[in-house]
């Protein structure tokens, strides 16, 4: 059967060599699709700032672009969490008909999580990086004026104080128009979706609480196992006849510790973040 590439070029697949050539050509086409992207944003290099009134973390936001809306091809600015929050609020105001990606949760329980620890800061950096990348890949949000300012302005506080009068007026106009639609009775389909989201959020919240309790109990059990294992090794040294089976029990406990530790790490690093992201997205959709 004759095949053709996306650009219309016919390809003969009668031989393995030609099939391999087809695969290579398709891979090249995929690479070209990646190269057509005109906006790249990354969040890295977190730094701690200690001031008289407060202590906070800033992140470097690097932008590379070929878009005409930008005066330069590359920008590097520093932003703190409240700047990301400002951006999201502005996107909600100016683009009320679009789903704005969620931010990571701002508040943490004092005494439970140290918000200045390397682990917490790195987790937040990854979440903020994902937040900006989702906006960057959006065909509408990525062209928003507020997003442009966020990526390029050296001093974002100037724009916050000014309120960007013109853009605010545009945002208020759009908000007023969409508000008129909200006053009308919502279609039953949307009402049903709203009820589904409420139930969905409650169930996800329940799963989140159960998962956290399981992880807590796993870590407590892990501490006990680590104290328990060496006891059998010591016992084996005292009981020559039972030395081999006791050492075997000690080794099994060690294997259990390793497996339990890996399971807890997987749940903490892979399962819980995704679950919480679902919760945040469901809240955004409301």
Protein backbone atom coordinates (compact mmCIF):
# COMPACT_ATOMS: atom_id res chain seq x y z
CA UNK A 1 0.00 0.00 0.00
CA UNK A 2 1.32 3.43 -0.96
CA UNK A 3 1.81 5.89 1.85
CA UNK A 4 2.69 9.54 1.85
CA UNK A 5 4.25 11.89 4.37
CA UNK A 6 2.33 14.85 5.83
CA UNK A 7 3.97 17.09 3.21
CA UNK A 8 2.56 14.91 0.40
CA UNK A 9 5.78 13.06 -0.52
CA UNK A 10 5.00 9.43 -1.57
CA UNK A 11 6.92 6.68 0.25
CA UNK A 12 7.54 3.08 -0.80
CA UNK A 13 7.21 0.75 2.21
CA UNK A 14 7.93 -2.51 0.37
CA UNK A 15 11.34 -2.94 2.04
CA UNK A 16 12.62 -2.64 5.63
CA UNK A 17 15.00 0.08 4.50
CA UNK A 18 12.18 2.21 3.13
CA UNK A 19 10.12 1.62 6.31
CA UNK A 20 13.06 2.81 8.38
CA UNK A 21 13.37 5.83 6.12
CA UNK A 22 9.69 6.58 6.63
CA UNK A 23 10.14 6.46 10.40
CA UNK A 24 13.13 8.79 10.24
CA UNK A 25 11.27 11.25 8.03
CA UNK A 26 8.29 11.26 10.37
CA UNK A 27 10.59 11.85 13.34
CA UNK A 28 12.13 14.78 11.50
CA UNK A 29 8.67 16.19 10.87
CA UNK A 30 7.94 15.92 14.61
CA UNK A 31 11.17 17.77 15.36
CA UNK A 32 10.19 20.51 12.94
CA UNK A 33 6.83 20.83 14.68
CA UNK A 34 8.71 21.36 17.93
CA UNK A 35 10.90 23.99 16.32
CA UNK A 36 7.87 26.00 15.21
CA UNK A 37 7.14 26.91 18.83
CA UNK A 38 7.88 30.59 19.31
CA UNK A 39 7.72 30.98 23.10
CA UNK A 40 9.69 29.09 25.75
CA UNK A 41 9.48 29.86 29.49
CA UNK A 42 11.31 28.21 32.39
CA UNK A 43 11.31 28.74 36.16
CA UNK A 44 14.52 27.96 38.05
CA UNK A 45 17.19 29.28 40.46
CA UNK A 46 15.14 29.87 43.65
CA UNK A 47 16.71 32.35 46.08
CA UNK A 48 15.86 33.22 49.66
CA UNK A 49 15.51 36.91 50.58
CA UNK A 50 15.62 38.04 54.21
CA UNK A 51 14.22 41.52 54.83
CA UNK A 52 13.32 43.46 57.95
CA UNK A 53 9.60 42.80 57.61
CA UNK A 54 9.52 39.42 55.85
CA UNK A 55 11.41 36.48 54.41
CA UNK A 56 10.47 35.13 51.00
CA UNK A 57 11.65 33.12 47.99
CA UNK A 58 12.04 34.43 44.45
CA UNK A 59 12.41 32.40 41.26
CA UNK A 60 14.13 33.26 38.01
CA UNK A 61 11.74 33.31 35.05
CA UNK A 62 13.57 33.01 31.73
CA UNK A 63 11.80 33.67 28.44
CA UNK A 64 13.02 32.98 24.90
CA UNK A 65 10.80 34.02 22.02
CA UNK A 66 10.57 35.10 18.40
CA UNK A 67 7.15 36.74 18.71
CA UNK A 68 6.75 40.28 17.43
CA UNK A 69 4.92 41.30 20.62
CA UNK A 70 8.23 41.12 22.50
CA UNK A 71 10.93 43.77 22.04
CA UNK A 72 13.79 41.37 22.83
CA UNK A 73 14.38 37.69 22.02
CA UNK A 74 15.25 36.80 25.62
CA UNK A 75 14.27 38.01 29.10
CA UNK A 76 15.26 37.05 32.62
CA UNK A 77 13.32 38.38 35.62
CA UNK A 78 12.79 37.33 39.22
CA UNK A 79 9.33 36.67 40.60
CA UNK A 80 7.92 35.60 43.96
CA UNK A 81 4.78 33.56 44.59
CA UNK A 82 2.50 36.58 44.97
CA UNK A 83 3.56 37.72 41.47
CA UNK A 84 2.37 34.42 40.02
CA UNK A 85 -0.86 34.88 41.98
CA UNK A 86 -1.23 38.39 40.52
CA UNK A 87 -0.81 36.97 37.02
CA UNK A 88 -3.45 34.32 37.55
CA UNK A 89 -5.94 36.85 38.94
CA UNK A 90 -5.34 39.13 35.95
CA UNK A 91 -5.85 36.24 33.54
CA UNK A 92 -9.13 35.38 35.26
CA UNK A 93 -10.28 39.00 35.00
CA UNK A 94 -9.31 39.51 31.37
CA UNK A 95 -10.10 35.98 30.09
CA UNK A 96 -13.21 34.96 32.07
CA UNK A 97 -14.35 32.47 29.41
CA UNK A 98 -11.14 30.42 29.61
CA UNK A 99 -10.02 27.88 32.19
CA UNK A 100 -6.94 29.30 33.91
CA UNK A 101 -4.41 26.68 35.09
CA UNK A 102 -4.22 26.41 38.90
CA UNK A 103 -1.33 27.56 41.05
CA UNK A 104 0.20 25.39 43.79
CA UNK A 105 -1.36 26.02 47.18
CA UNK A 106 0.08 29.07 48.91
CA UNK A 107 -0.43 28.27 52.56
CA UNK A 108 1.21 25.45 54.47
CA UNK A 109 0.62 24.26 58.02
CA UNK A 110 3.22 25.84 60.27
CA UNK A 111 5.24 23.33 62.23
CA UNK A 112 4.41 20.56 59.74
CA UNK A 113 6.05 21.81 56.54
CA UNK A 114 9.00 24.21 56.41
CA UNK A 115 8.24 26.47 53.44
CA UNK A 116 11.91 27.44 53.20
CA UNK A 117 13.24 23.88 53.08
CA UNK A 118 15.00 22.79 49.88
CA UNK A 119 12.43 20.05 49.28
CA UNK A 120 9.43 22.38 49.58
CA UNK A 121 11.03 25.14 47.48
CA UNK A 122 11.93 22.67 44.71
CA UNK A 123 8.42 21.20 44.73
CA UNK A 124 6.93 24.68 44.41
CA UNK A 125 9.41 25.63 41.67
CA UNK A 126 8.33 22.64 39.58
CA UNK A 127 4.66 23.53 40.09
CA UNK A 128 5.23 27.18 39.11
CA UNK A 129 7.21 26.08 36.07
CA UNK A 130 4.35 23.81 35.01
CA UNK A 131 1.88 26.67 35.57
CA UNK A 132 3.76 29.00 33.20
CA UNK A 133 4.34 26.28 30.61
CA UNK A 134 0.61 25.59 30.47
CA UNK A 135 -0.08 29.26 29.84
CA UNK A 136 2.73 29.36 27.27
CA UNK A 137 1.18 26.46 25.34
CA UNK A 138 -2.31 28.00 25.41
CA UNK A 139 -3.31 29.58 22.07
CA UNK A 140 -5.13 32.49 23.78
CA UNK A 141 -3.64 32.98 27.24
CA UNK A 142 -0.07 33.08 25.91
CA UNK A 143 -0.94 36.28 23.99
CA UNK A 144 -2.46 38.01 27.01
CA UNK A 145 -0.97 41.46 27.75
CA UNK A 146 -0.64 40.72 31.46
CA UNK A 147 1.35 37.59 30.68
CA UNK A 148 3.67 39.66 28.50
CA UNK A 149 4.23 42.12 31.35
CA UNK A 150 4.83 39.30 33.82
CA UNK A 151 7.56 37.83 31.60
CA UNK A 152 9.31 41.08 30.67
CA UNK A 153 8.89 43.78 33.35
CA UNK A 154 11.92 44.23 35.58
CA UNK A 155 9.80 45.81 38.31
CA UNK A 156 6.36 44.24 38.33
CA UNK A 157 5.26 46.32 41.32
CA UNK A 158 5.09 49.40 39.09
CA UNK A 159 2.39 47.73 37.00
CA UNK A 160 0.61 46.45 40.08
CA UNK A 161 0.36 49.98 41.51
CA UNK A 162 -0.70 51.52 38.22
CA UNK A 163 -3.25 48.78 37.77
CA UNK A 164 -2.54 48.92 34.04
CA UNK A 165 -5.52 51.24 33.57
CA UNK A 166 -6.18 50.51 29.91
CA UNK A 167 -5.93 46.75 30.28
CA UNK A 168 -8.06 46.89 33.40
CA UNK A 169 -10.79 48.72 31.50
CA UNK A 170 -10.74 46.08 28.79
CA UNK A 171 -10.86 43.35 31.42
CA UNK A 172 -13.77 45.02 33.21
CA UNK A 173 -15.65 45.36 29.92
CA UNK A 174 -15.25 41.67 29.15
CA UNK A 175 -16.15 40.81 32.72
CA UNK A 176 -19.29 42.96 32.48
CA UNK A 177 -20.38 41.26 29.26
CA UNK A 178 -19.82 37.76 30.61
CA UNK A 179 -21.47 38.77 33.87
CA UNK A 180 -24.61 39.51 31.88
CA UNK A 181 -24.65 35.94 30.69
CA UNK A 182 -24.26 34.66 34.23
CA UNK A 183 -27.40 36.52 35.28
CA UNK A 184 -29.44 34.41 32.91
CA UNK A 185 -30.55 30.95 33.92
CA UNK A 186 -27.77 28.48 33.31
CA UNK A 187 -28.47 25.58 30.95
CA UNK A 188 -29.24 22.32 32.70
CA UNK A 189 -26.12 20.80 31.18
CA UNK A 190 -23.88 23.29 32.99
CA UNK A 191 -25.81 22.91 36.23
CA UNK A 192 -25.27 19.15 36.04
CA UNK A 193 -21.56 19.66 35.40
CA UNK A 194 -21.36 21.96 38.42
CA UNK A 195 -22.98 19.35 40.66
CA UNK A 196 -20.64 16.70 39.27
CA UNK A 197 -17.61 18.89 40.04
CA UNK A 198 -18.78 19.42 43.62
CA UNK A 199 -19.12 15.67 44.15
CA UNK A 200 -15.86 15.01 42.32
CA UNK A 201 -13.97 17.51 44.50
CA UNK A 202 -15.37 16.00 47.70
CA UNK A 203 -14.33 12.49 46.66
CA UNK A 204 -10.86 13.64 45.64
CA UNK A 205 -10.49 15.44 48.96
CA UNK A 206 -11.43 12.24 50.79
CA UNK A 207 -8.88 10.24 48.78
CA UNK A 208 -6.24 12.88 49.53
CA UNK A 209 -6.85 12.71 53.29
CA UNK A 210 -6.81 8.90 53.27
CA UNK A 211 -3.59 8.84 51.23
CA UNK A 212 -1.88 11.25 53.62
CA UNK A 213 -2.95 9.15 56.59
CA UNK A 214 -1.63 5.99 54.90
CA UNK A 215 1.73 7.66 54.21
CA UNK A 216 1.94 8.88 57.81
CA UNK A 217 1.27 5.37 59.15
CA UNK A 218 3.76 3.86 56.69
CA UNK A 219 6.50 6.21 57.88
CA UNK A 220 5.74 5.44 61.52
CA UNK A 221 5.84 1.71 60.77
CA UNK A 222 9.13 2.20 58.90
CA UNK A 223 10.72 3.74 62.00
CA UNK A 224 9.64 0.73 64.07
CA UNK A 225 10.95 -1.75 61.50
CA UNK A 226 14.36 -0.07 61.40
CA UNK A 227 14.60 -0.42 65.17
CA UNK A 228 13.26 -3.97 65.08
CA UNK A 229 15.63 -5.44 62.45
CA UNK A 230 18.95 -5.09 64.33
CA UNK A 231 17.43 -6.88 67.32
CA UNK A 232 17.38 -10.16 65.37
CA UNK A 233 21.00 -9.69 64.28
CA UNK A 234 22.05 -9.16 67.89
CA UNK A 235 19.97 -12.14 68.98
CA UNK A 236 21.56 -14.30 66.28
CA UNK A 237 24.99 -13.45 67.63
CA UNK A 238 23.99 -14.76 71.05
CA UNK A 239 22.19 -17.92 69.89
CA UNK A 240 24.62 -19.89 67.71
CA UNK A 241 22.11 -22.59 66.79
CA UNK A 242 19.50 -20.01 65.76
CA UNK A 243 21.98 -17.65 64.12
CA UNK A 244 21.10 -18.47 60.50
CA UNK A 245 17.28 -18.19 60.74
CA UNK A 246 17.53 -15.06 62.90
CA UNK A 247 19.86 -13.40 60.39
CA UNK A 248 17.35 -14.38 57.70
CA UNK A 249 14.55 -12.65 59.59
CA UNK A 250 16.75 -9.57 60.00
CA UNK A 251 17.47 -9.53 56.25
CA UNK A 252 13.75 -9.86 55.45
CA UNK A 253 12.96 -6.92 57.71
CA UNK A 254 15.65 -4.92 55.90
CA UNK A 255 14.04 -5.75 52.55
CA UNK A 256 10.65 -4.72 53.93
CA UNK A 257 12.13 -1.39 55.05
CA UNK A 258 13.52 -0.73 51.57
CA UNK A 259 10.24 -1.64 49.84
CA UNK A 260 8.15 0.42 52.28
CA UNK A 261 10.44 3.42 51.88
CA UNK A 262 10.18 3.24 48.07
CA UNK A 263 6.40 2.90 48.27
CA UNK A 264 6.12 5.96 50.52
CA UNK A 265 8.37 8.00 48.22
CA UNK A 266 6.33 7.00 45.16
CA UNK A 267 3.08 8.03 46.84
CA UNK A 268 4.58 11.30 48.08
CA UNK A 269 6.34 12.32 44.86
CA UNK A 270 4.11 10.81 42.16
CA UNK A 271 0.61 10.12 43.48
CA UNK A 272 -0.17 12.98 45.89
CA UNK A 273 0.98 15.88 43.64
CA UNK A 274 -1.16 14.62 40.75
CA UNK A 275 -4.13 14.09 43.05
CA UNK A 276 -3.85 17.62 44.47
CA UNK A 277 -3.53 19.02 40.98
CA UNK A 278 -6.83 17.37 40.05
CA UNK A 279 -8.38 19.00 43.13
CA UNK A 280 -7.02 22.43 42.18
CA UNK A 281 -8.20 22.07 38.58
CA UNK A 282 -11.69 21.04 39.68
CA UNK A 283 -11.83 24.15 41.88
CA UNK A 284 -10.69 26.29 38.93
CA UNK A 285 -13.47 24.92 36.75
CA UNK A 286 -16.12 26.04 39.22
